């Protein structure tokens, strides 16, 4: 009991005894069992983060933003990944609950099973914030960037360059309607009076995951085999776009001469691709910081109201993969927020 009072700084222990106990704890490399403390009614001060994977730089930057806020507030971060499996996503979210985290941030793509699991957590009054994934639940806060508008402007840029057959890489046609980046792509085509051609949409099956460079590579090979291939493609993210650039190179297509390619996210590698990749930049770390602030307010009991949401602006960065006149330099277009932004 004396050692417990000394370590937990609860109850009276003389200064000399406290020093002796702490020296012994240090010598024995003793660490308090935080789970045992939680069972006694104290908070674990830990947050779970559910990601599609940890290979995409988007994940690293998002976590860095979350960590910046939560670590300063004394919270530890646990990370789980879904790896394209809705069942693995569900198991990871349940594991967070089993380990009694104080709150959860979810940054995977929306699926029915995943949404049901998040709703279950909210019913159990576990604070949840989603990133890029709206949930129709009043207490689940939401942070996103304007993916619809970013995609719309990227595809409009391709149309302004004279392209009329523009493919979409990174998702299959059956799942495409659920993706806001695809919705922006489709809206840009419609605004220009261009048809949405099913055979120009290629990618992996749906799931709570990012599209990868392998997905972009394989999708581009598939589109190149159709009778009238696209002259431009818009990729779901930069990794997918870089995979498509590799496929184009292997097929002897010049970028942007034979094929213009644009991506989304503006990962650091995008500026160093050959040619540099035109992309839509979203403020990733800022979304992480905002998600952490929303979560802190609920975990600390400072906010109990209805869902809070923030939608960040994006900007189009024009580089050599779509416009040879840029000579590898960046031309930035800020995509300002519109009333009722689509997030």
Protein backbone atom coordinates (compact mmCIF):
# COMPACT_ATOMS: atom_id res chain seq x y z
CA UNK A 1 0.00 0.00 0.00
CA UNK A 2 2.87 2.37 0.78
CA UNK A 3 4.47 1.68 -2.61
CA UNK A 4 1.11 2.19 -4.33
CA UNK A 5 0.56 5.53 -2.61
CA UNK A 6 4.08 6.65 -3.53
CA UNK A 7 3.80 5.70 -7.20
CA UNK A 8 0.27 7.00 -7.67
CA UNK A 9 0.89 10.06 -5.51
CA UNK A 10 -2.23 9.32 -3.49
CA UNK A 11 -2.32 9.52 0.28
CA UNK A 12 0.47 10.49 2.63
CA UNK A 13 3.99 9.14 2.10
CA UNK A 14 7.07 10.83 3.47
CA UNK A 15 9.49 12.40 1.01
CA UNK A 16 12.24 9.95 1.94
CA UNK A 17 10.01 6.89 1.48
CA UNK A 18 8.67 8.20 -1.85
CA UNK A 19 12.24 8.63 -3.12
CA UNK A 20 13.17 5.09 -2.04
CA UNK A 21 10.10 3.63 -3.76
CA UNK A 22 10.75 5.54 -7.00
CA UNK A 23 14.42 4.47 -7.02
CA UNK A 24 13.36 0.85 -6.59
CA UNK A 25 10.74 1.19 -9.36
CA UNK A 26 13.34 2.64 -11.70
CA UNK A 27 15.84 -0.12 -10.87
CA UNK A 28 13.21 -2.82 -11.51
CA UNK A 29 11.98 -1.04 -14.70
CA UNK A 30 8.49 -1.03 -13.20
CA UNK A 31 5.62 0.44 -15.24
CA UNK A 32 2.05 0.80 -13.95
CA UNK A 33 -0.54 -1.47 -15.58
CA UNK A 34 -2.79 1.04 -17.32
CA UNK A 35 -5.46 -1.57 -18.07
CA UNK A 36 -5.65 -2.48 -14.40
CA UNK A 37 -6.02 1.20 -13.58
CA UNK A 38 -8.87 1.43 -16.06
CA UNK A 39 -10.63 -1.49 -14.41
CA UNK A 40 -10.52 0.52 -11.19
CA UNK A 41 -12.41 3.32 -12.88
CA UNK A 42 -9.59 5.50 -14.14
CA UNK A 43 -9.30 6.48 -17.81
CA UNK A 44 -6.83 4.75 -20.10
CA UNK A 45 -6.16 7.99 -22.01
CA UNK A 46 -5.75 6.13 -25.30
CA UNK A 47 -7.27 6.61 -28.75
CA UNK A 48 -7.68 4.06 -31.53
CA UNK A 49 -7.11 5.05 -35.17
CA UNK A 50 -8.53 2.83 -37.92
CA UNK A 51 -6.73 3.18 -41.26
CA UNK A 52 -7.04 1.37 -44.59
CA UNK A 53 -3.27 0.70 -44.58
CA UNK A 54 -0.03 2.31 -43.47
CA UNK A 55 1.79 2.21 -46.84
CA UNK A 56 0.08 5.26 -48.34
CA UNK A 57 1.71 8.55 -47.25
CA UNK A 58 -1.80 9.90 -46.60
CA UNK A 59 -1.99 7.65 -43.53
CA UNK A 60 1.33 8.83 -42.11
CA UNK A 61 0.48 12.51 -42.52
CA UNK A 62 -3.00 12.08 -41.08
CA UNK A 63 -1.68 10.23 -38.02
CA UNK A 64 0.99 12.90 -37.53
CA UNK A 65 -1.72 15.56 -37.37
CA UNK A 66 -3.79 13.53 -34.90
CA UNK A 67 -0.75 12.73 -32.79
CA UNK A 68 0.28 16.37 -32.57
CA UNK A 69 -2.92 17.24 -30.70
CA UNK A 70 -3.54 14.09 -28.68
CA UNK A 71 -0.02 13.52 -27.38
CA UNK A 72 0.09 17.09 -26.11
CA UNK A 73 -3.09 16.28 -24.17
CA UNK A 74 -1.53 13.14 -22.65
CA UNK A 75 -3.12 10.46 -24.87
CA UNK A 76 -1.54 7.35 -26.37
CA UNK A 77 -2.39 6.22 -29.91
CA UNK A 78 -3.17 2.69 -31.08
CA UNK A 79 -3.40 1.96 -34.83
CA UNK A 80 -5.29 -0.79 -36.67
CA UNK A 81 -5.67 -1.34 -40.43
CA UNK A 82 -8.47 -2.83 -42.49
CA UNK A 83 -6.38 -4.00 -45.49
CA UNK A 84 -9.40 -4.19 -47.83
CA UNK A 85 -11.35 -6.43 -45.49
CA UNK A 86 -14.60 -5.20 -43.95
CA UNK A 87 -14.37 -8.06 -41.46
CA UNK A 88 -10.87 -6.99 -40.44
CA UNK A 89 -12.10 -3.42 -40.07
CA UNK A 90 -14.94 -4.60 -37.84
CA UNK A 91 -12.59 -6.75 -35.76
CA UNK A 92 -10.18 -3.83 -35.33
CA UNK A 93 -12.92 -1.49 -34.14
CA UNK A 94 -14.15 -4.11 -31.68
CA UNK A 95 -10.58 -4.59 -30.45
CA UNK A 96 -10.42 -0.89 -29.63
CA UNK A 97 -13.55 -1.30 -27.54
CA UNK A 98 -12.19 -4.42 -25.82
CA UNK A 99 -9.06 -2.48 -24.87
CA UNK A 100 -11.24 0.33 -23.53
CA UNK A 101 -9.90 3.22 -25.56
CA UNK A 102 -11.38 6.62 -24.76
CA UNK A 103 -12.19 7.46 -28.37
CA UNK A 104 -11.78 6.34 -31.99
CA UNK A 105 -10.83 8.02 -35.27
CA UNK A 106 -11.92 6.16 -38.42
CA UNK A 107 -10.35 7.06 -41.78
CA UNK A 108 -11.41 4.08 -43.92
CA UNK A 109 -13.78 4.23 -46.90
CA UNK A 110 -17.45 3.76 -46.19
CA UNK A 111 -18.99 0.28 -46.21
CA UNK A 112 -22.29 -0.92 -44.82
CA UNK A 113 -20.68 -3.26 -42.27
CA UNK A 114 -18.21 -0.59 -41.21
CA UNK A 115 -20.92 2.03 -40.84
CA UNK A 116 -23.00 -0.33 -38.72
CA UNK A 117 -20.01 -0.98 -36.44
CA UNK A 118 -19.30 2.74 -36.04
CA UNK A 119 -22.96 3.33 -35.21
CA UNK A 120 -22.72 0.56 -32.60
CA UNK A 121 -19.75 2.33 -30.98
CA UNK A 122 -21.67 5.60 -30.92
CA UNK A 123 -24.63 3.92 -29.23
CA UNK A 124 -22.24 2.74 -26.52
CA UNK A 125 -21.24 6.40 -26.07
CA UNK A 126 -17.70 5.90 -27.29
CA UNK A 127 -16.62 9.16 -28.98
CA UNK A 128 -15.98 8.60 -32.70
CA UNK A 129 -14.72 10.98 -35.38
CA UNK A 130 -14.61 9.96 -39.04
CA UNK A 131 -12.24 11.41 -41.65
CA UNK A 132 -13.55 11.55 -45.20
CA UNK A 133 -16.43 9.25 -44.30
CA UNK A 134 -19.81 10.75 -43.33
CA UNK A 135 -21.95 8.72 -40.92
CA UNK A 136 -25.63 9.45 -40.42
CA UNK A 137 -25.34 9.46 -36.66
CA UNK A 138 -25.82 12.66 -34.70
CA UNK A 139 -22.94 12.14 -32.26
CA UNK A 140 -20.29 11.06 -34.79
CA UNK A 141 -18.22 14.10 -35.75
CA UNK A 142 -16.91 14.39 -39.28
CA UNK A 143 -13.82 15.92 -40.91
CA UNK A 144 -13.18 15.93 -44.65
CA UNK A 145 -11.84 17.82 -47.63
CA UNK A 146 -13.98 18.79 -50.61
CA UNK A 147 -13.19 15.68 -52.65
CA UNK A 148 -16.12 16.29 -55.01
CA UNK A 149 -15.02 19.76 -55.94
CA UNK A 150 -11.34 18.83 -56.15
CA UNK A 151 -12.13 16.03 -58.60
CA UNK A 152 -14.49 18.25 -60.57
CA UNK A 153 -11.75 20.84 -61.16
CA UNK A 154 -9.11 18.24 -62.02
CA UNK A 155 -11.34 16.65 -64.67
CA UNK A 156 -12.40 20.07 -65.97
CA UNK A 157 -8.70 20.85 -66.40
CA UNK A 158 -8.35 17.74 -68.57
CA UNK A 159 -11.40 18.74 -70.58
CA UNK A 160 -10.00 22.24 -71.12
CA UNK A 161 -6.89 20.63 -72.59
CA UNK A 162 -9.11 19.03 -75.24
CA UNK A 163 -9.61 15.53 -73.82
CA UNK A 164 -12.96 13.89 -74.44
CA UNK A 165 -12.34 10.28 -73.45
CA UNK A 166 -11.27 10.51 -69.80
CA UNK A 167 -10.96 7.38 -67.70
CA UNK A 168 -11.27 6.96 -63.93
CA UNK A 169 -8.78 4.65 -62.20
CA UNK A 170 -8.97 3.15 -58.73
CA UNK A 171 -12.46 1.71 -58.33
CA UNK A 172 -14.77 -0.59 -60.26
CA UNK A 173 -18.00 0.64 -61.82
CA UNK A 174 -20.27 -1.13 -59.34
CA UNK A 175 -18.75 0.64 -56.32
CA UNK A 176 -17.95 3.95 -58.00
CA UNK A 177 -21.16 5.78 -57.10
CA UNK A 178 -20.27 5.73 -53.40
CA UNK A 179 -16.99 7.62 -53.92
CA UNK A 180 -17.19 11.43 -53.85
CA UNK A 181 -14.11 11.74 -56.03
CA UNK A 182 -15.91 9.71 -58.66
CA UNK A 183 -19.03 11.85 -58.25
CA UNK A 184 -16.96 14.97 -58.99
CA UNK A 185 -15.48 13.24 -62.05
CA UNK A 186 -18.94 12.33 -63.33
CA UNK A 187 -20.27 15.84 -62.70
CA UNK A 188 -17.42 17.43 -64.67
CA UNK A 189 -18.16 15.17 -67.64
CA UNK A 190 -21.86 16.00 -67.45
CA UNK A 191 -21.18 19.75 -67.23
CA UNK A 192 -19.14 19.50 -70.44
CA UNK A 193 -21.80 17.46 -72.22
CA UNK A 194 -19.61 14.34 -72.26
CA UNK A 195 -20.98 10.83 -71.65
CA UNK A 196 -19.99 8.69 -68.70
CA UNK A 197 -18.52 5.61 -70.37
CA UNK A 198 -18.56 2.49 -68.20
CA UNK A 199 -15.64 0.82 -69.95
CA UNK A 200 -13.38 3.76 -69.02
CA UNK A 201 -13.77 3.01 -65.27
CA UNK A 202 -11.33 0.45 -63.89
CA UNK A 203 -10.06 -0.62 -60.51
CA UNK A 204 -10.27 -3.13 -57.67
CA UNK A 205 -13.36 -4.41 -55.91
CA UNK A 206 -14.84 -2.23 -53.18
CA UNK A 207 -13.63 -2.30 -49.61
CA UNK A 208 -12.48 0.01 -46.81
CA UNK A 209 -9.09 0.65 -48.44
CA UNK A 210 -7.07 3.01 -50.60
CA UNK A 211 -6.36 2.14 -54.21
CA UNK A 212 -2.68 1.27 -54.69
CA UNK A 213 -0.05 1.66 -57.40
CA UNK A 214 -0.71 -1.96 -58.42
CA UNK A 215 -4.38 -1.08 -58.90
CA UNK A 216 -3.45 1.87 -61.12
CA UNK A 217 -0.97 -0.20 -63.10
CA UNK A 218 -3.43 -3.04 -63.75
CA UNK A 219 -6.33 -0.70 -64.47
CA UNK A 220 -4.28 1.24 -67.02
CA UNK A 221 -3.25 -1.96 -68.79
CA UNK A 222 -6.92 -2.90 -68.96
CA UNK A 223 -8.02 0.44 -70.41
CA UNK A 224 -5.24 0.33 -72.99
CA UNK A 225 -6.74 -2.86 -74.42
CA UNK A 226 -10.14 -1.44 -75.32
CA UNK A 227 -10.75 -0.46 -78.93
CA UNK A 228 -10.72 3.29 -78.30
CA UNK A 229 -8.52 3.91 -75.27
CA UNK A 230 -8.78 7.10 -73.18
CA UNK A 231 -6.52 10.05 -73.94
CA UNK A 232 -6.53 11.07 -70.27
CA UNK A 233 -7.18 9.42 -66.92
CA UNK A 234 -8.06 10.76 -63.50
CA UNK A 235 -6.82 8.52 -60.70
CA UNK A 236 -8.47 8.09 -57.33
CA UNK A 237 -5.19 8.97 -55.59
CA UNK A 238 -1.56 9.68 -56.42
CA UNK A 239 -0.38 6.12 -55.80
CA UNK A 240 -2.91 4.90 -58.38
CA UNK A 241 -1.80 7.61 -60.81
CA UNK A 242 1.89 6.65 -60.40
CA UNK A 243 1.00 3.02 -61.13
CA UNK A 244 -0.79 4.16 -64.29
CA UNK A 245 2.28 6.19 -65.32
CA UNK A 246 4.41 3.06 -65.02
CA UNK A 247 2.00 1.08 -67.20
CA UNK A 248 1.97 3.86 -69.81
CA UNK A 249 5.76 3.86 -69.89
CA UNK A 250 5.89 0.08 -70.43
CA UNK A 251 3.38 0.38 -73.29
CA UNK A 252 5.44 3.07 -75.00
CA UNK A 253 2.91 5.86 -74.36
CA UNK A 254 4.29 9.30 -73.65
CA UNK A 255 2.86 11.29 -70.75
CA UNK A 256 1.24 13.72 -71.40
CA UNK A 257 1.65 13.46 -75.21
CA UNK A 258 -0.28 10.22 -75.68
CA UNK A 259 -1.93 10.08 -72.27
CA UNK A 260 -2.54 12.79 -69.67
CA UNK A 261 -2.67 11.59 -66.04
CA UNK A 262 -3.92 13.39 -62.92
CA UNK A 263 -4.14 12.20 -59.33
CA UNK A 264 -5.39 13.26 -55.91
CA UNK A 265 -3.74 13.96 -52.50
CA UNK A 266 -0.40 15.54 -53.54
CA UNK A 267 1.78 13.03 -51.70
CA UNK A 268 5.48 14.05 -51.59
CA UNK A 269 6.37 11.58 -54.34
CA UNK A 270 3.99 13.27 -56.82
CA UNK A 271 6.34 16.19 -57.46
CA UNK A 272 9.23 13.79 -58.17
CA UNK A 273 7.46 11.49 -60.63
CA UNK A 274 8.54 11.56 -64.30
CA UNK A 275 6.92 13.74 -65.46
CA UNK A 276 5.81 15.50 -62.25
CA UNK A 277 2.21 14.56 -61.46
CA UNK A 278 -0.73 16.92 -61.74
CA UNK A 279 -2.81 16.38 -58.63
CA UNK A 280 -5.36 17.79 -56.20
CA UNK A 281 -3.87 18.73 -52.85
CA UNK A 282 -5.91 18.29 -49.70
CA UNK A 283 -4.77 19.49 -46.23
CA UNK A 284 -4.16 16.07 -44.70
CA UNK A 285 -2.41 17.00 -41.44
CA UNK A 286 -4.96 19.77 -40.81
CA UNK A 287 -7.77 17.20 -41.06
CA UNK A 288 -5.96 15.02 -38.54
CA UNK A 289 -5.56 17.91 -36.11
CA UNK A 290 -9.23 18.87 -36.44
CA UNK A 291 -10.36 15.28 -35.94
CA UNK A 292 -8.27 15.13 -32.76
CA UNK A 293 -9.76 18.39 -31.47
CA UNK A 294 -13.31 17.14 -32.05
CA UNK A 295 -12.45 13.89 -30.27
CA UNK A 296 -10.84 15.67 -27.33
CA UNK A 297 -13.91 17.82 -26.78
CA UNK A 298 -16.10 14.73 -26.42
CA UNK A 299 -13.61 12.61 -24.45
CA UNK A 300 -12.99 15.43 -21.98
CA UNK A 301 -16.72 16.12 -21.64
CA UNK A 302 -16.52 19.65 -23.03
CA UNK A 303 -19.03 18.97 -25.81
CA UNK A 304 -22.15 16.80 -25.84
CA UNK A 305 -24.10 18.27 -28.75
CA UNK A 306 -25.01 17.16 -32.24
CA UNK A 307 -22.54 16.20 -34.93
CA UNK A 308 -19.79 18.70 -35.71
CA UNK A 309 -18.29 18.78 -39.20
CA UNK A 310 -15.58 20.63 -41.09
CA UNK A 311 -14.89 20.56 -44.83
CA UNK A 312 -11.47 21.82 -45.96
CA UNK A 313 -10.73 23.36 -49.35
CA UNK A 314 -8.52 21.64 -51.91
CA UNK A 315 -6.31 23.07 -54.63
CA UNK A 316 -5.41 21.86 -58.09
CA UNK A 317 -1.66 21.63 -58.76
CA UNK A 318 -0.91 21.50 -62.49
CA UNK A 319 2.34 19.79 -63.41
CA UNK A 320 3.90 18.08 -66.39
CA UNK A 321 1.76 14.91 -66.47
CA UNK A 322 -1.14 16.84 -68.00
CA UNK A 323 0.31 20.06 -69.35
CA UNK A 324 3.67 20.01 -71.17
CA UNK A 325 3.88 23.81 -71.06
CA UNK A 326 4.44 23.73 -67.27
CA UNK A 327 7.97 22.28 -67.72
CA UNK A 328 7.67 20.52 -64.39
CA UNK A 329 6.71 23.63 -62.41
CA UNK A 330 3.54 23.90 -60.37
CA UNK A 331 0.55 26.02 -61.24
CA UNK A 332 -1.72 26.23 -58.20
CA UNK A 333 -5.45 26.78 -58.31
CA UNK A 334 -7.21 27.09 -54.98
CA UNK A 335 -10.65 25.50 -55.01
CA UNK A 336 -12.64 27.77 -52.73
CA UNK A 337 -15.44 26.48 -50.56
CA UNK A 338 -19.00 26.73 -51.89
CA UNK A 339 -22.15 27.04 -49.86
CA UNK A 340 -23.14 23.58 -48.68
CA UNK A 341 -19.80 22.07 -49.79
CA UNK A 342 -19.96 18.43 -50.73
CA UNK A 343 -17.12 17.23 -48.50
